[in-house]
Amino acid sequence: MASKVKPVPDGYHTVTPYLIVDDAENVIDFLQKAFDAELFNEMTKRPDDKVMHAALKIGNSMIMIADSSEFVKASPAMLYLYVPDADAAYQKAIKAGGTSIMEPSNQFYGDRSGGVKDPAGNSWFVGTHVEDVSAADLKKRAEEELKKRGKAA
């Protein structure tokens, strides 16, 4: 009789992003330099020496990554990473080769956040929660933000 295994493996959460990119090793290198990502297991390589599968841990979360192939095409994603200091994380990501999307600033929803693109075109927003905002205030602030941007709420 087979032993019972957990439906969600140790170290993982119910939802785990899986990035399909061109040049996965370059993206992995960026994630290690920018966000202190740790390789969770040994990379599995395809016969063409491309990454078939790798898992990285950033903070308490897992990210899976693989090179694109004839079966699965690269598809850029947007990820939001909570960090203790959004400004420092943003600067570290820029120094690691990220391209700025938005410099960190305080947002109406209570986070200070900014964003970079990695070498594969994935968007990584780094945020630090700086203020708890009630549902009523969030609605009001969102409407004000949309008015500032010239869009109706």
C-alpha atoms as a PDB file:
ATOM      1  CA  MET A   1       0.000   0.000   0.000  1.00  0.00           C
ATOM      2  CA  ALA A   2       1.370   3.424  -0.984  1.00  0.00           C
ATOM      3  CA  SER A   3       1.984   5.965   1.741  1.00  0.00           C
ATOM      4  CA  LYS A   4      -0.266   9.005   1.920  1.00  0.00           C
ATOM      5  CA  VAL A   5       1.326  12.178   0.549  1.00  0.00           C
ATOM      6  CA  LYS A   6       0.210  15.750   1.086  1.00  0.00           C
ATOM      7  CA  PRO A   7      -1.849  17.213  -1.780  1.00  0.00           C
ATOM      8  CA  VAL A   8       0.204  20.431  -1.511  1.00  0.00           C
ATOM      9  CA  PRO A   9       3.942  19.715  -1.087  1.00  0.00           C
ATOM     10  CA  ASP A  10       5.932  21.231   1.774  1.00  0.00           C
ATOM     11  CA  GLY A  11       7.066  24.770   1.008  1.00  0.00           C
ATOM     12  CA  TYR A  12       4.267  25.474  -1.467  1.00  0.00           C
ATOM     13  CA  HIS A  13       0.977  27.354  -1.192  1.00  0.00           C
ATOM     14  CA  THR A  14      -2.274  26.512  -2.954  1.00  0.00           C
ATOM     15  CA  VAL A  15      -1.508  28.909  -5.830  1.00  0.00           C
ATOM     16  CA  THR A  16       1.992  28.866  -7.291  1.00  0.00           C
ATOM     17  CA  PRO A  17       2.954  31.065 -10.268  1.00  0.00           C
ATOM     18  CA  TYR A  18       4.580  29.146 -13.128  1.00  0.00           C
ATOM     19  CA  LEU A  19       6.528  31.407 -15.474  1.00  0.00           C
ATOM     20  CA  ILE A  20       7.187  30.290 -19.041  1.00  0.00           C
ATOM     21  CA  VAL A  21       9.959  32.464 -20.423  1.00  0.00           C
ATOM     22  CA  ASP A  22      12.646  32.674 -23.057  1.00  0.00           C
ATOM     23  CA  ASP A  23      16.093  32.218 -21.441  1.00  0.00           C
ATOM     24  CA  ALA A  24      14.993  30.906 -18.051  1.00  0.00           C
ATOM     25  CA  GLU A  25      18.545  30.758 -16.687  1.00  0.00           C
ATOM     26  CA  ASN A  26      18.900  34.513 -17.233  1.00  0.00           C
ATOM     27  CA  VAL A  27      15.576  35.171 -15.474  1.00  0.00           C
ATOM     28  CA  ILE A  28      16.586  32.870 -12.591  1.00  0.00           C
ATOM     29  CA  ASP A  29      19.863  34.782 -12.264  1.00  0.00           C
ATOM     30  CA  PHE A  30      17.913  38.068 -12.185  1.00  0.00           C
ATOM     31  CA  LEU A  31      15.508  36.748  -9.512  1.00  0.00           C
ATOM     32  CA  GLN A  32      18.422  35.579  -7.372  1.00  0.00           C
ATOM     33  CA  LYS A  33      20.168  38.957  -7.602  1.00  0.00           C
ATOM     34  CA  ALA A  34      17.056  41.150  -7.394  1.00  0.00           C
ATOM     35  CA  PHE A  35      14.905  39.319  -4.840  1.00  0.00           C
ATOM     36  CA  ASP A  36      17.297  36.867  -3.134  1.00  0.00           C
ATOM     37  CA  ALA A  37      15.475  33.945  -4.760  1.00  0.00           C
ATOM     38  CA  GLU A  38      16.785  30.552  -3.706  1.00  0.00           C
ATOM     39  CA  LEU A  39      16.768  27.553  -6.017  1.00  0.00           C
ATOM     40  CA  PHE A  40      14.431  25.135  -4.228  1.00  0.00           C
ATOM     41  CA  ASN A  41      15.494  22.066  -6.174  1.00  0.00           C
ATOM     42  CA  GLU A  42      17.949  21.204  -8.892  1.00  0.00           C
ATOM     43  CA  MET A  43      16.999  22.479 -12.335  1.00  0.00           C
ATOM     44  CA  THR A  44      15.740  19.858 -14.736  1.00  0.00           C
ATOM     45  CA  LYS A  45      17.201  20.392 -18.205  1.00  0.00           C
ATOM     46  CA  ARG A  46      15.885  19.338 -21.590  1.00  0.00           C
ATOM     47  CA  PRO A  47      18.175  17.679 -24.172  1.00  0.00           C
ATOM     48  CA  ASP A  48      18.686  21.136 -25.787  1.00  0.00           C
ATOM     49  CA  ASP A  49      20.090  22.349 -22.401  1.00  0.00           C
ATOM     50  CA  LYS A  50      17.099  24.627 -21.812  1.00  0.00           C
ATOM     51  CA  VAL A  51      15.345  24.647 -18.428  1.00  0.00           C
ATOM     52  CA  MET A  52      12.510  22.139 -18.367  1.00  0.00           C
ATOM     53  CA  HIS A  53      11.615  22.951 -14.750  1.00  0.00           C
ATOM     54  CA  ALA A  54      12.992  24.900 -11.818  1.00  0.00           C
ATOM     55  CA  ALA A  55      11.458  26.020  -8.555  1.00  0.00           C
ATOM     56  CA  LEU A  56      12.607  29.098  -6.680  1.00  0.00           C
ATOM     57  CA  LYS A  57      11.661  30.380  -3.261  1.00  0.00           C
ATOM     58  CA  ILE A  58      11.275  34.125  -2.741  1.00  0.00           C
ATOM     59  CA  GLY A  59      10.457  34.950   0.857  1.00  0.00           C
ATOM     60  CA  ASN A  60       7.822  32.397   1.848  1.00  0.00           C
ATOM     61  CA  SER A  61       6.528  31.822  -1.699  1.00  0.00           C
ATOM     62  CA  MET A  62       7.432  29.501  -4.525  1.00  0.00           C
ATOM     63  CA  ILE A  63       7.767  30.354  -8.207  1.00  0.00           C
ATOM     64  CA  MET A  64       8.125  27.683 -10.875  1.00  0.00           C
ATOM     65  CA  ILE A  65       9.883  28.550 -14.109  1.00  0.00           C
ATOM     66  CA  ALA A  66      10.705  26.912 -17.430  1.00  0.00           C
ATOM     67  CA  ASP A  67      11.945  27.841 -20.859  1.00  0.00           C
ATOM     68  CA  SER A  68       9.369  28.139 -23.597  1.00  0.00           C
ATOM     69  CA  SER A  69       9.114  25.292 -26.086  1.00  0.00           C
ATOM     70  CA  GLU A  70       7.168  24.230 -29.136  1.00  0.00           C
ATOM     71  CA  PHE A  71       4.449  23.052 -26.728  1.00  0.00           C
ATOM     72  CA  VAL A  72       4.327  26.020 -24.363  1.00  0.00           C
ATOM     73  CA  LYS A  73       5.062  29.569 -25.517  1.00  0.00           C
ATOM     74  CA  ALA A  74       6.503  32.346 -23.352  1.00  0.00           C
ATOM     75  CA  SER A  75       3.803  34.405 -21.706  1.00  0.00           C
ATOM     76  CA  PRO A  76       4.704  37.496 -19.658  1.00  0.00           C
ATOM     77  CA  ALA A  77       3.070  37.793 -16.246  1.00  0.00           C
ATOM     78  CA  MET A  78       2.680  40.396 -13.540  1.00  0.00           C
ATOM     79  CA  LEU A  79       3.627  39.498  -9.992  1.00  0.00           C
ATOM     80  CA  TYR A  80       3.326  41.476  -6.773  1.00  0.00           C
ATOM     81  CA  LEU A  81       5.962  40.894  -4.127  1.00  0.00           C
ATOM     82  CA  TYR A  82       5.540  42.194  -0.576  1.00  0.00           C
ATOM     83  CA  VAL A  83       8.866  43.289   0.904  1.00  0.00           C
ATOM     84  CA  PRO A  84       9.972  45.124   4.060  1.00  0.00           C
ATOM     85  CA  ASP A  85      11.285  48.115   2.038  1.00  0.00           C
ATOM     86  CA  ALA A  86       9.836  48.721  -1.434  1.00  0.00           C
ATOM     87  CA  ASP A  87      12.362  51.456  -2.254  1.00  0.00           C
ATOM     88  CA  ALA A  88      15.367  49.256  -1.437  1.00  0.00           C
ATOM     89  CA  ALA A  89      13.876  46.263  -3.276  1.00  0.00           C
ATOM     90  CA  TYR A  90      13.158  48.391  -6.343  1.00  0.00           C
ATOM     91  CA  GLN A  91      16.726  49.758  -6.393  1.00  0.00           C
ATOM     92  CA  LYS A  92      18.174  46.254  -5.961  1.00  0.00           C
ATOM     93  CA  ALA A  93      16.038  44.985  -8.862  1.00  0.00           C
ATOM     94  CA  ILE A  94      17.211  47.868 -11.076  1.00  0.00           C
ATOM     95  CA  LYS A  95      20.843  47.104 -10.193  1.00  0.00           C
ATOM     96  CA  ALA A  96      20.197  43.432 -11.050  1.00  0.00           C
ATOM     97  CA  GLY A  97      19.181  44.429 -14.583  1.00  0.00           C
ATOM     98  CA  GLY A  98      15.475  45.162 -14.203  1.00  0.00           C
ATOM     99  CA  THR A  99      13.872  47.869 -16.329  1.00  0.00           C
ATOM    100  CA  SER A 100      11.830  50.465 -14.467  1.00  0.00           C
ATOM    101  CA  ILE A 101       8.069  50.460 -14.935  1.00  0.00           C
ATOM    102  CA  MET A 102       7.292  52.803 -12.045  1.00  0.00           C
ATOM    103  CA  GLU A 103       9.401  54.226  -9.221  1.00  0.00           C
ATOM    104  CA  PRO A 104       8.060  53.451  -5.746  1.00  0.00           C
ATOM    105  CA  SER A 105       5.440  55.818  -4.401  1.00  0.00           C
ATOM    106  CA  ASN A 106       2.599  55.713  -1.890  1.00  0.00           C
ATOM    107  CA  GLN A 107      -0.570  54.293  -3.424  1.00  0.00           C
ATOM    108  CA  PHE A 108      -4.188  55.051  -2.541  1.00  0.00           C
ATOM    109  CA  TYR A 109      -4.758  51.454  -1.390  1.00  0.00           C
ATOM    110  CA  GLY A 110      -2.208  51.646   1.434  1.00  0.00           C
ATOM    111  CA  ASP A 111       0.948  50.227  -0.133  1.00  0.00           C
ATOM    112  CA  ARG A 112       4.142  51.935  -1.192  1.00  0.00           C
ATOM    113  CA  SER A 113       5.019  50.213  -4.445  1.00  0.00           C
ATOM    114  CA  GLY A 114       7.009  50.386  -7.639  1.00  0.00           C
ATOM    115  CA  GLY A 115       7.707  48.028 -10.491  1.00  0.00           C
ATOM    116  CA  VAL A 116      10.364  46.602 -12.772  1.00  0.00           C
ATOM    117  CA  LYS A 117      10.427  44.281 -15.770  1.00  0.00           C
ATOM    118  CA  ASP A 118      12.717  41.253 -15.692  1.00  0.00           C
ATOM    119  CA  PRO A 119      14.772  40.159 -18.747  1.00  0.00           C
ATOM    120  CA  ALA A 120      11.820  38.086 -20.050  1.00  0.00           C
ATOM    121  CA  GLY A 121       9.324  40.965 -19.821  1.00  0.00           C
ATOM    122  CA  ASN A 122       7.546  39.841 -16.633  1.00  0.00           C
ATOM    123  CA  SER A 123       6.438  42.732 -14.440  1.00  0.00           C
ATOM    124  CA  TRP A 124       7.461  42.559 -10.785  1.00  0.00           C
ATOM    125  CA  PHE A 125       5.832  45.090  -8.496  1.00  0.00           C
ATOM    126  CA  VAL A 126       7.416  45.386  -5.056  1.00  0.00           C
ATOM    127  CA  GLY A 127       5.245  46.735  -2.298  1.00  0.00           C
ATOM    128  CA  THR A 128       5.387  47.512   1.375  1.00  0.00           C
ATOM    129  CA  HIS A 129       2.071  47.825   3.196  1.00  0.00           C
ATOM    130  CA  VAL A 130       2.211  51.182   4.971  1.00  0.00           C
ATOM    131  CA  GLU A 131      -1.420  51.907   5.844  1.00  0.00           C
ATOM    132  CA  ASP A 132      -4.586  49.936   6.553  1.00  0.00           C
ATOM    133  CA  VAL A 133      -7.411  51.469   4.509  1.00  0.00           C
ATOM    134  CA  SER A 134     -11.075  50.787   5.312  1.00  0.00           C
ATOM    135  CA  ALA A 135     -13.370  49.585   2.529  1.00  0.00           C
ATOM    136  CA  ALA A 136     -15.222  52.929   2.531  1.00  0.00           C
ATOM    137  CA  ASP A 137     -11.997  54.932   2.329  1.00  0.00           C
ATOM    138  CA  LEU A 138     -10.633  52.621  -0.368  1.00  0.00           C
ATOM    139  CA  LYS A 139     -13.719  53.235  -2.522  1.00  0.00           C
ATOM    140  CA  LYS A 140     -13.448  57.002  -2.015  1.00  0.00           C
ATOM    141  CA  ARG A 141      -9.699  57.033  -2.714  1.00  0.00           C
ATOM    142  CA  ALA A 142     -10.122  54.879  -5.831  1.00  0.00           C
ATOM    143  CA  GLU A 143     -12.713  57.319  -7.183  1.00  0.00           C
ATOM    144  CA  GLU A 144     -10.372  60.250  -6.444  1.00  0.00           C
ATOM    145  CA  GLU A 145      -7.475  58.459  -8.143  1.00  0.00           C
ATOM    146  CA  LEU A 146      -9.544  57.770 -11.247  1.00  0.00           C
ATOM    147  CA  LYS A 147     -10.637  61.424 -11.380  1.00  0.00           C
ATOM    148  CA  LYS A 148      -6.967  62.485 -11.158  1.00  0.00           C
ATOM    149  CA  ARG A 149      -6.201  60.199 -14.074  1.00  0.00           C
ATOM    150  CA  GLY A 150      -9.106  61.675 -16.032  1.00  0.00           C
ATOM    151  CA  LYS A 151     -11.252  58.562 -15.976  1.00  0.00           C
ATOM    152  CA  ALA A 152     -14.772  58.234 -14.638  1.00  0.00           C
ATOM    153  CA  ALA A 153     -15.278  55.999 -11.625  1.00  0.00           C
END
